[in-house]
Amino acid sequence: MKTSLLFLLTGLLLFSCDQSQKLTYTERKLIGEWEYDKVEYFPNWGFKENQTNEFEQYQIEILKDFTITMQNTMTGEIYSGVWEVNIISLPSSNGNSQVAEEFIASLSGNISGDVIQIIWENIAVDNSRIRADHDDKQGIFYYKLKKL
C-alpha cells in the first residue's frame, strides 16, 4: 500500500511540472502577442515590394502549450491551430549547409474555414522582436514582428 501511494505521488509530481520548462530558448522567447511591423518581398526576377499592408491587420498570440491564435482585426476572423520550431539545414553559397531554426504553424479560420500555414525560417527572436524570412521559390519574404 505504501509503495502504491509512493508511485502515485511520484507520478503526480512528474506530470504536474510546468510544461514551459521543456521549451527551448527560442520557443520561450516566441511566447506572447505579436503583430507584423514590416514585411518585404524580394521576387526572384523583380524589385523589392513592401507588403506590410497585407499583414498589418493580423495579431498573433503564441502560447506555451504549442497552440496559436491569429486574429484578422479587419474582419474579426480568428484562426487557431498549433505551432512548432524545427532545426533545419539550409544550403549556403559555398556548397556547405548551415543550421537554422524554422517556425511552422498550421491554423484554420473560424468563419471561412480556410486552412493556412505560417512559415518563418532563419528566425531570430528576442524579448520584443522577431526577424525571419521565407523562401517561397518565387522570391523571399522578410518579416519583422514586434511584441504587443
Foldseek 3Di string as FASTA:
>chain_A
DVVVVVVVVVVCVVVVDDLLVVDDPVLVLLAAKKFFDWKWWDFPPDHIDTPNVVGRQWMKGQHSVQKIWIARNVPRKIKIWGKDKDWDWAADPVGHTDIWIKIKTWIAIPPPRDIDMDIFIRWDGDNFWIWGWDCPVRTMMTTIMTGD
